[in-house]
Structure formats: structure tokens, C-alpha cells
Amino acid sequence: MRDLLTRMHTWMARYMKSFYSDDDEVQRGILIKETHTGCVTANCVELAKFLKLSTHDTQLAEIIGLFHDAGRFRQYSIYKTFNDADSEDHAALSLKVIDDLEFFTELSAEDLDVVKFAIQNHNKKNLPPCSDERKILFAKIIRDADKLDIYRVLEPFLAQKDVDKMPNFIKSKSRLSADISPDFVENFVAGVQADYTKIRTNGDRKIVRLMWLYDINFSWTMKKIVERGYIEKIVDNLPRDEKVAEGIKRLRKHVEEKISEVIV
């Protein structure tokens, strides 16, 4: 499979560069996703090795990381946004890219099903019911690898106040208010995933990023998030509120428990 992976990397590199633009805003978005693709692919490989997957399965995880956001490039070049609600589901767009590539037929039918399932569900609020443990495993790997790098991507914008300096993929339709909507606070306190399609303020957006931690699947990922300081940087930019503090306490306990998990 290594030869196939080499061809896939070569194709993907050309594909991403084909969206380069003289429009500074578009070019900025494309470069962000180009870097993100590389980082997520590396995360997938490192996580697969942590899980002691076979060479074959580690390479399959690499393929999933490489193509998970293939649809983002067409999305941003057309809509000037990475917000699926304002454009199209980027996972579905990624599958369209894959369906047009003949070298994916070189994978076994089983492996191709795993790749498509993982990519289709990497951006969903929750994984759908599925009895195939292999599909679930790879979906969890890409979801963790993706979130880990999204924290890196979004970090510079945590305390951003000036809307004119914020790129379109951050601005979306949410207000810049640092306040957190009451329903988002309640979800945070209860440890329940918030619906990011209902984000109304910048405070809501920060809460959603923290709530992602309840969807982290592996101790390796959680350790990386903690080591890089992403949690504390978000917490430091939240409003001082008794309810929010209660949610933070619950979250810290969950983080500690996830880190202490042992892979059997």
C-alpha cells in the first residue's frame, strides 16, 4: 500500500495547490487547510501507532487523514467560508472527490468502506449507530486527529475582538459578544454536547470547543491537548461566572479520567 499512498500524497499536493488564488482571503483559507491536512494526517499516523495498529491499518489511517478534508478546498473557493451551514457539508464534498479518483479502487472493498465511513462522519456531532467495530475505530481516530489540530488552528482567534481582522471561517454568523447563551451554559454544566449549528455568540463558540473534549476518544489525544495548553487558553478567555465555573470543574474531572485510561 505504500506505493499507493505515495501516489495519493502526490495527487493531493497538486490538488490543494490547484486552488491557490490571487484573492488574499481565499489564499489564506486554502493555506490554512493545506497545513491542516498535513497535521491531521500526521496525527492519524501517530495515533494509530499509539494504538499499536498493524502497518496496513496505520497506512489506512494515513489515507483517511489525507483525504478527510478534500472537499474543503472546493467549498472555500466557491463559498468563501468553512461553515457547512452556510455552504455544503464538507464531508460529503470530500466523498465526491474520492469517488472521482480511480486509485481508490485499488483498495479492498472493505477498506474503502472504512475510509468512506470515517470521512463521512468525521465532522458529525455524534457517530451514527454501527455494528462494525473497525469502521467505528477509524472514525474515532480521524475525529480525534482532526479535533487536535483544529485546536491549533483556532487558538490565535480565542481573544479576537476586532471583527475586521477575523477570517470568514471564524466569523460565520455568530455575534462577537463574549457572553455565553443560557442553553450553552446549561449544556456545559451538564456535560452535554452543544449543537454548534446554533452558535449565537463568540462565547458560545468557545464553549463548543471545550465540549469537544467530551468527544475525545483516546488518552493519547487528550494528553496532547493538555500538553499544548489548549484547554487553559480557552478557559482563560471565558466570562467569570458561577455556572461556567461549575462546568469547568466537571470538565477537568473528565479530562483527568480520560488521560488515565489504559489501552487494553
Protein backbone atom coordinates (compact mmCIF):
# COMPACT_ATOMS: atom_id res chain seq x y z
CA MET A 1 0.00 0.00 0.00
CA ARG A 2 3.00 2.33 0.42
CA ASP A 3 3.23 2.90 -3.35
CA LEU A 4 -0.47 3.77 -3.43
CA LEU A 5 -0.02 6.17 -0.52
CA THR A 6 2.87 7.89 -2.30
CA ARG A 7 0.67 8.45 -5.36
CA MET A 8 -2.15 9.71 -3.14
CA HIS A 9 0.14 12.21 -1.41
CA THR A 10 1.45 13.43 -4.78
CA TRP A 11 -2.08 13.86 -6.13
CA MET A 12 -3.33 15.62 -3.01
CA ALA A 13 -0.42 18.06 -3.01
CA ARG A 14 -1.22 19.05 -6.61
CA TYR A 15 -4.94 19.20 -5.87
CA MET A 16 -4.54 21.59 -2.94
CA LYS A 17 -2.22 23.86 -4.88
CA SER A 18 -4.70 23.98 -7.77
CA PHE A 19 -6.92 26.14 -5.53
CA TYR A 20 -4.27 28.78 -4.89
CA SER A 21 -5.72 32.21 -5.59
CA ASP A 22 -4.75 35.84 -6.13
CA ASP A 23 -7.57 36.67 -3.72
CA ASP A 24 -5.77 37.14 -0.40
CA GLU A 25 -8.73 35.94 1.69
CA VAL A 26 -9.21 32.80 -0.40
CA GLN A 27 -5.48 32.07 -0.42
CA ARG A 28 -5.34 32.42 3.35
CA GLY A 29 -8.14 29.90 3.77
CA ILE A 30 -6.60 27.44 1.32
CA LEU A 31 -3.20 27.60 3.03
CA ILE A 32 -4.80 27.05 6.42
CA LYS A 33 -6.47 23.88 5.15
CA GLU A 34 -3.35 22.72 3.33
CA THR A 35 -1.39 22.88 6.60
CA HIS A 36 -4.31 21.34 8.49
CA THR A 37 -4.38 18.39 6.09
CA GLY A 38 -0.71 17.66 6.73
CA CYS A 39 -1.08 17.95 10.50
CA VAL A 40 -4.18 15.75 10.70
CA THR A 41 -2.54 13.11 8.51
CA ALA A 42 0.47 13.06 10.83
CA ASN A 43 -1.83 12.90 13.87
CA CYS A 44 -3.64 9.89 12.39
CA VAL A 45 -0.38 8.04 11.87
CA GLU A 46 0.92 8.84 15.35
CA LEU A 47 -2.37 7.86 16.99
CA ALA A 48 -2.55 4.61 15.01
CA LYS A 49 0.95 3.73 16.19
CA PHE A 50 -0.02 4.54 19.79
CA LEU A 51 -2.91 2.10 19.38
CA LYS A 52 -0.42 -0.48 18.04
CA LEU A 53 -2.33 -0.95 14.79
CA SER A 54 -0.79 -3.04 12.02
CA THR A 55 1.26 -1.37 9.28
CA HIS A 56 -1.68 -1.83 6.92
CA ASP A 57 -4.16 -0.20 9.28
CA THR A 58 -1.73 2.62 10.11
CA GLN A 59 -1.49 3.35 6.39
CA LEU A 60 -5.28 3.24 6.11
CA ALA A 61 -5.49 5.83 8.91
CA GLU A 62 -3.00 7.93 6.94
CA ILE A 63 -5.24 7.79 3.84
CA ILE A 64 -8.24 8.88 5.89
CA GLY A 65 -6.32 11.82 7.35
CA LEU A 66 -5.04 12.84 3.93
CA PHE A 67 -8.48 12.97 2.31
CA HIS A 68 -10.78 13.82 5.22
CA ASP A 69 -10.98 17.50 4.20
CA ALA A 70 -10.51 17.14 0.44
CA GLY A 71 -13.89 18.83 -0.05
CA ARG A 72 -12.86 21.89 1.95
CA PHE A 73 -10.87 23.36 -0.94
CA ARG A 74 -13.76 23.44 -3.38
CA GLN A 75 -16.03 24.62 -0.55
CA TYR A 76 -13.87 27.63 0.31
CA SER A 77 -13.07 28.60 -3.26
CA ILE A 78 -16.81 28.76 -4.03
CA TYR A 79 -18.41 29.97 -0.80
CA LYS A 80 -15.53 31.81 0.93
CA THR A 81 -16.42 30.01 4.16
CA PHE A 82 -15.69 26.79 6.01
CA ASN A 83 -19.09 26.91 7.69
CA ASP A 84 -21.06 23.93 6.38
CA ALA A 85 -24.36 25.52 7.40
CA ASP A 86 -23.63 28.44 5.08
CA SER A 87 -22.46 26.24 2.19
CA GLU A 88 -22.33 22.44 1.92
CA ASP A 89 -21.39 19.53 4.15
CA HIS A 90 -17.65 19.34 3.56
CA ALA A 91 -17.52 15.63 4.43
CA ALA A 92 -19.98 14.92 1.61
CA LEU A 93 -17.85 17.06 -0.70
CA SER A 94 -14.78 15.04 0.31
CA LEU A 95 -16.54 11.81 -0.64
CA LYS A 96 -17.33 13.28 -4.06
CA VAL A 97 -13.62 13.91 -4.58
CA ILE A 98 -12.81 10.33 -3.57
CA ASP A 99 -15.45 8.88 -5.88
CA ASP A 100 -13.75 10.56 -8.85
CA LEU A 101 -10.32 9.06 -8.13
CA GLU A 102 -9.54 5.75 -9.77
CA PHE A 103 -6.72 4.82 -7.40
CA PHE A 104 -9.25 4.33 -4.60
CA THR A 105 -10.42 1.24 -6.49
CA GLU A 106 -7.07 -0.31 -5.59
CA LEU A 107 -8.25 -0.60 -2.00
CA SER A 108 -10.23 -3.66 -0.99
CA ALA A 109 -13.99 -3.12 -0.79
CA GLU A 110 -13.79 -3.48 3.00
CA ASP A 111 -11.03 -0.89 3.34
CA LEU A 112 -12.80 1.54 1.02
CA ASP A 113 -15.96 1.24 3.11
CA VAL A 114 -13.93 2.03 6.23
CA VAL A 115 -12.34 5.08 4.59
CA LYS A 116 -15.68 6.44 3.40
CA PHE A 117 -17.45 5.83 6.72
CA ALA A 118 -14.69 7.57 8.68
CA ILE A 119 -14.58 10.58 6.36
CA GLN A 120 -18.35 10.86 6.10
CA ASN A 121 -18.67 11.01 9.88
CA HIS A 122 -15.53 12.87 10.92
CA ASN A 123 -17.42 16.16 11.28
CA LYS A 124 -20.74 14.97 12.68
CA LYS A 125 -21.90 15.83 16.20
CA ASN A 126 -22.06 12.13 17.07
CA LEU A 127 -21.15 8.89 15.35
CA PRO A 128 -24.17 7.02 13.97
CA PRO A 129 -25.04 3.56 15.33
CA CYS A 130 -22.81 0.99 13.64
CA SER A 131 -22.09 -2.64 14.48
CA ASP A 132 -18.83 -2.65 12.51
CA GLU A 133 -16.16 -2.05 15.17
CA ARG A 134 -13.47 -1.47 12.55
CA LYS A 135 -15.42 1.41 11.00
CA ILE A 136 -16.03 2.91 14.43
CA LEU A 137 -12.34 2.64 15.34
CA PHE A 138 -11.14 4.54 12.27
CA ALA A 139 -13.91 7.12 12.63
CA LYS A 140 -12.75 7.75 16.19
CA ILE A 141 -9.14 8.08 15.04
CA ILE A 142 -9.92 10.76 12.46
CA ARG A 143 -12.28 12.60 14.80
CA ASP A 144 -9.53 12.80 17.44
CA ALA A 145 -6.79 13.69 14.96
CA ASP A 146 -8.97 16.39 13.42
CA LYS A 147 -10.01 18.00 16.71
CA LEU A 148 -6.43 18.02 17.97
CA ASP A 149 -5.34 20.15 15.02
CA ILE A 150 -8.45 22.34 14.97
CA TYR A 151 -7.48 23.48 18.46
CA ARG A 152 -4.17 24.62 16.96
CA VAL A 153 -5.86 26.37 14.05
CA LEU A 154 -8.36 28.25 16.22
CA GLU A 155 -6.01 29.16 19.06
CA PRO A 156 -4.95 32.59 17.66
CA PHE A 157 -8.58 33.74 17.50
CA LEU A 158 -9.66 32.94 21.06
CA ALA A 159 -9.48 36.51 22.32
CA GLN A 160 -10.12 38.20 18.98
CA LYS A 161 -12.24 41.34 19.40
CA ASP A 162 -11.89 43.10 16.07
CA VAL A 163 -14.32 41.56 13.57
CA ASP A 164 -12.47 43.10 10.62
CA LYS A 165 -9.37 41.09 11.46
CA MET A 166 -11.20 37.81 11.76
CA PRO A 167 -11.23 35.50 8.72
CA ASN A 168 -14.58 34.41 7.32
CA PHE A 169 -14.26 30.86 8.61
CA ILE A 170 -14.13 32.24 12.17
CA LYS A 171 -16.72 34.97 11.83
CA SER A 172 -19.59 32.90 10.50
CA LYS A 173 -22.90 34.39 11.62
CA SER A 174 -22.19 34.49 15.35
CA ARG A 175 -22.03 37.77 17.25
CA LEU A 176 -18.72 38.83 18.79
CA SER A 177 -20.23 39.03 22.27
CA ALA A 178 -18.16 37.19 24.86
CA ASP A 179 -21.38 36.23 26.65
CA ILE A 180 -22.49 32.62 26.54
CA SER A 181 -26.08 31.79 25.58
CA PRO A 182 -28.03 30.29 28.53
CA ASP A 183 -28.68 26.97 26.78
CA PHE A 184 -24.97 26.59 26.03
CA VAL A 185 -24.16 27.23 29.69
CA GLU A 186 -26.67 24.59 30.76
CA ASN A 187 -25.17 22.08 28.31
CA PHE A 188 -21.70 22.88 29.61
CA VAL A 189 -22.71 22.33 33.23
CA ALA A 190 -24.42 19.04 32.33
CA GLY A 191 -21.50 17.81 30.23
CA VAL A 192 -23.78 17.50 27.20
CA GLN A 193 -22.58 18.27 23.68
CA ALA A 194 -23.83 21.62 22.43
CA ASP A 195 -25.27 21.99 18.93
CA TYR A 196 -22.65 24.07 17.12
CA THR A 197 -25.15 24.93 14.38
CA LYS A 198 -26.94 27.07 16.99
CA ILE A 199 -23.92 29.16 17.95
CA ARG A 200 -25.00 32.76 18.55
CA THR A 201 -22.01 34.40 20.23
CA ASN A 202 -18.25 34.13 20.38
CA GLY A 203 -18.70 32.82 23.93
CA ASP A 204 -20.84 30.00 22.56
CA ARG A 205 -18.07 29.13 20.14
CA LYS A 206 -15.55 28.80 22.97
CA ILE A 207 -17.91 26.56 24.95
CA VAL A 208 -18.33 24.30 21.91
CA ARG A 209 -14.56 23.94 21.68
CA LEU A 210 -14.41 22.87 25.31
CA MET A 211 -17.33 20.49 24.86
CA TRP A 212 -15.37 18.73 22.11
CA LEU A 213 -13.30 17.29 24.96
CA TYR A 214 -16.22 15.04 25.89
CA ASP A 215 -15.93 13.54 22.41
CA ILE A 216 -12.20 12.79 22.60
CA ASN A 217 -11.80 9.04 22.31
CA PHE A 218 -8.21 8.27 23.26
CA SER A 219 -5.90 9.18 26.14
CA TRP A 220 -3.13 10.00 23.64
CA THR A 221 -5.20 12.79 22.13
CA MET A 222 -6.26 14.24 25.47
CA LYS A 223 -2.66 14.29 26.70
CA LYS A 224 -1.60 16.22 23.59
CA ILE A 225 -4.41 18.74 24.09
CA VAL A 226 -3.40 19.29 27.71
CA GLU A 227 0.33 19.43 26.98
CA ARG A 228 -0.21 22.14 24.35
CA GLY A 229 -2.23 24.26 26.74
CA TYR A 230 -5.33 24.50 24.56
CA ILE A 231 -7.80 23.95 27.40
CA GLU A 232 -6.37 26.61 29.69
CA LYS A 233 -6.19 29.16 26.89
CA ILE A 234 -9.90 28.73 26.23
CA VAL A 235 -10.80 28.76 29.93
CA ASP A 236 -8.80 31.95 30.44
CA ASN A 237 -10.95 33.65 27.80
CA LEU A 238 -14.33 32.66 29.28
CA PRO A 239 -16.55 35.03 31.28
CA ARG A 240 -16.19 34.72 35.05
CA ASP A 241 -19.46 33.10 36.06
CA GLU A 242 -20.52 30.65 38.77
CA LYS A 243 -22.27 28.32 36.34
CA VAL A 244 -19.35 28.40 33.92
CA ALA A 245 -17.00 27.58 36.81
CA GLU A 246 -19.18 24.57 37.63
CA GLY A 247 -18.89 23.37 34.03
CA ILE A 248 -15.11 23.85 34.10
CA LYS A 249 -14.83 21.76 37.28
CA ARG A 250 -16.79 18.92 35.68
CA LEU A 251 -14.70 19.18 32.52
CA ARG A 252 -11.38 19.00 34.37
CA LYS A 253 -12.50 15.80 36.09
CA HIS A 254 -13.41 14.25 32.75
CA VAL A 255 -10.05 15.24 31.25
CA GLU A 256 -8.18 13.61 34.14
CA GLU A 257 -10.19 10.41 33.79
CA LYS A 258 -9.61 10.22 30.03
CA ILE A 259 -5.86 10.73 30.41
CA SER A 260 -5.65 7.94 32.96
CA GLU A 261 -7.35 5.40 30.67
CA VAL A 262 -5.24 2.41 29.72
CA ILE A 263 -5.48 0.86 26.24
CA VAL A 264 -6.04 -2.86 26.54
